[in-house]
Structure formats: structure tokens, C-alpha cells
Amino acid sequence: MEIDIFSGDLKGLAYLEIEFSNTESANDYSTPNWVIKDVTTDLNYKNGYLARYGIPKSYYEYIK
């Protein structure tokens, strides 16, 4: 488990990143209650998007 905390233009954004050895382990994992939103499949949170466009507008909806 790794937590990435961003600074600069991405200040306020943090990721919890977990790599699982298999699909069963991933499916059995319970997300901590302090996690605001799972953005695994959201292309707006991929590194390339963040580098080009900054924090996605949807981020501000998640933190309300």
C-alpha cells in the first residue's frame, strides 16, 4: 500500500495505491472508510491527464 500526496498545481490530491497479486485478493479487499472515491477506472485521474490538465473538475464534487 502506498499513499501519494501531490503538491504544486495538484496540491490537495492524494492517492491510495494498492497492487494485488491476483483478482481474488482485489475483490476481497475492503476500501478504508476514509477513502473518498475509487478512481481506478476514471481516466481523468491518470498521470498523463493530471500532467496536462491538473486536478479534474470531478475532484471538487468528491470532496464536498
C-alpha atoms as a PDB file:
ATOM      1  CA  MET A   1       0.000   0.000   0.000  1.00  0.00           C
ATOM      2  CA  GLU A   2       1.298   3.430  -0.933  1.00  0.00           C
ATOM      3  CA  ILE A   3      -0.158   6.892  -0.448  1.00  0.00           C
ATOM      4  CA  ASP A   4       0.833   9.573  -2.953  1.00  0.00           C
ATOM      5  CA  ILE A   5       0.299  13.141  -1.782  1.00  0.00           C
ATOM      6  CA  PHE A   6       0.592  15.739  -4.515  1.00  0.00           C
ATOM      7  CA  SER A   7       1.899  19.295  -4.292  1.00  0.00           C
ATOM      8  CA  GLY A   8       2.152  22.305  -6.586  1.00  0.00           C
ATOM      9  CA  ASP A   9      -0.693  22.537  -9.096  1.00  0.00           C
ATOM     10  CA  LEU A  10      -2.075  19.222  -7.769  1.00  0.00           C
ATOM     11  CA  LYS A  11      -1.991  20.228  -4.101  1.00  0.00           C
ATOM     12  CA  GLY A  12      -4.859  18.655  -2.188  1.00  0.00           C
ATOM     13  CA  LEU A  13      -4.940  15.498  -4.280  1.00  0.00           C
ATOM     14  CA  ALA A  14      -3.838  12.215  -2.698  1.00  0.00           C
ATOM     15  CA  TYR A  15      -3.964   8.634  -3.967  1.00  0.00           C
ATOM     16  CA  LEU A  16      -4.073   5.374  -2.101  1.00  0.00           C
ATOM     17  CA  GLU A  17      -2.428   2.879  -4.408  1.00  0.00           C
ATOM     18  CA  ILE A  18      -2.572  -0.864  -3.822  1.00  0.00           C
ATOM     19  CA  GLU A  19      -1.276  -3.626  -6.048  1.00  0.00           C
ATOM     20  CA  PHE A  20      -2.805  -7.052  -5.605  1.00  0.00           C
ATOM     21  CA  SER A  21      -1.213 -10.357  -6.576  1.00  0.00           C
ATOM     22  CA  ASN A  22      -4.472 -11.685  -8.023  1.00  0.00           C
ATOM     23  CA  THR A  23      -8.066 -10.762  -8.800  1.00  0.00           C
ATOM     24  CA  GLU A  24      -9.441 -12.657  -5.813  1.00  0.00           C
ATOM     25  CA  SER A  25      -7.371 -10.577  -3.394  1.00  0.00           C
ATOM     26  CA  ALA A  26      -8.511  -7.371  -5.094  1.00  0.00           C
ATOM     27  CA  ASN A  27     -12.166  -8.404  -4.925  1.00  0.00           C
ATOM     28  CA  ASP A  28     -11.849  -9.347  -1.233  1.00  0.00           C
ATOM     29  CA  TYR A  29     -10.292  -6.007  -0.275  1.00  0.00           C
ATOM     30  CA  SER A  30     -12.427  -3.609   1.757  1.00  0.00           C
ATOM     31  CA  THR A  31     -11.715   0.035   0.997  1.00  0.00           C
ATOM     32  CA  PRO A  32     -10.988   2.077   4.144  1.00  0.00           C
ATOM     33  CA  ASN A  33     -13.828   4.397   5.170  1.00  0.00           C
ATOM     34  CA  TRP A  34     -11.571   7.450   4.834  1.00  0.00           C
ATOM     35  CA  VAL A  35     -11.221   6.894   1.077  1.00  0.00           C
ATOM     36  CA  ILE A  36     -13.449   9.431  -0.670  1.00  0.00           C
ATOM     37  CA  LYS A  37     -13.726   7.883  -4.143  1.00  0.00           C
ATOM     38  CA  ASP A  38     -12.308   4.955  -6.093  1.00  0.00           C
ATOM     39  CA  VAL A  39     -10.890   6.482  -9.289  1.00  0.00           C
ATOM     40  CA  THR A  40      -9.253   3.322 -10.612  1.00  0.00           C
ATOM     41  CA  THR A  41     -11.123   3.427 -13.915  1.00  0.00           C
ATOM     42  CA  ASP A  42     -11.507   7.217 -14.189  1.00  0.00           C
ATOM     43  CA  LEU A  43      -9.200   8.375 -16.995  1.00  0.00           C
ATOM     44  CA  ASN A  44      -9.200  11.911 -15.569  1.00  0.00           C
ATOM     45  CA  TYR A  45      -7.012  10.667 -12.721  1.00  0.00           C
ATOM     46  CA  LYS A  46      -4.312   9.038 -14.845  1.00  0.00           C
ATOM     47  CA  ASN A  47      -0.865  10.636 -14.706  1.00  0.00           C
ATOM     48  CA  GLY A  48      -0.975  11.924 -18.291  1.00  0.00           C
ATOM     49  CA  TYR A  49      -4.276  13.725 -17.745  1.00  0.00           C
ATOM     50  CA  LEU A  50      -3.129  15.219 -14.447  1.00  0.00           C
ATOM     51  CA  ALA A  51       0.104  16.458 -16.022  1.00  0.00           C
ATOM     52  CA  ARG A  52      -1.728  18.135 -18.914  1.00  0.00           C
ATOM     53  CA  TYR A  53      -4.900  19.440 -17.276  1.00  0.00           C
ATOM     54  CA  GLY A  54      -4.416  19.436 -13.498  1.00  0.00           C
ATOM     55  CA  ILE A  55      -6.967  18.343 -10.938  1.00  0.00           C
ATOM     56  CA  PRO A  56     -10.166  17.166 -12.657  1.00  0.00           C
ATOM     57  CA  LYS A  57     -13.356  19.143 -12.003  1.00  0.00           C
ATOM     58  CA  SER A  58     -14.948  15.972 -10.613  1.00  0.00           C
ATOM     59  CA  TYR A  59     -12.490  16.114  -7.693  1.00  0.00           C
ATOM     60  CA  TYR A  60     -14.359  19.065  -6.244  1.00  0.00           C
ATOM     61  CA  GLU A  61     -17.607  17.075  -6.347  1.00  0.00           C
ATOM     62  CA  TYR A  62     -15.967  14.241  -4.411  1.00  0.00           C
ATOM     63  CA  ILE A  63     -14.693  16.421  -1.576  1.00  0.00           C
ATOM     64  CA  LYS A  64     -17.967  18.224  -0.801  1.00  0.00           C
END
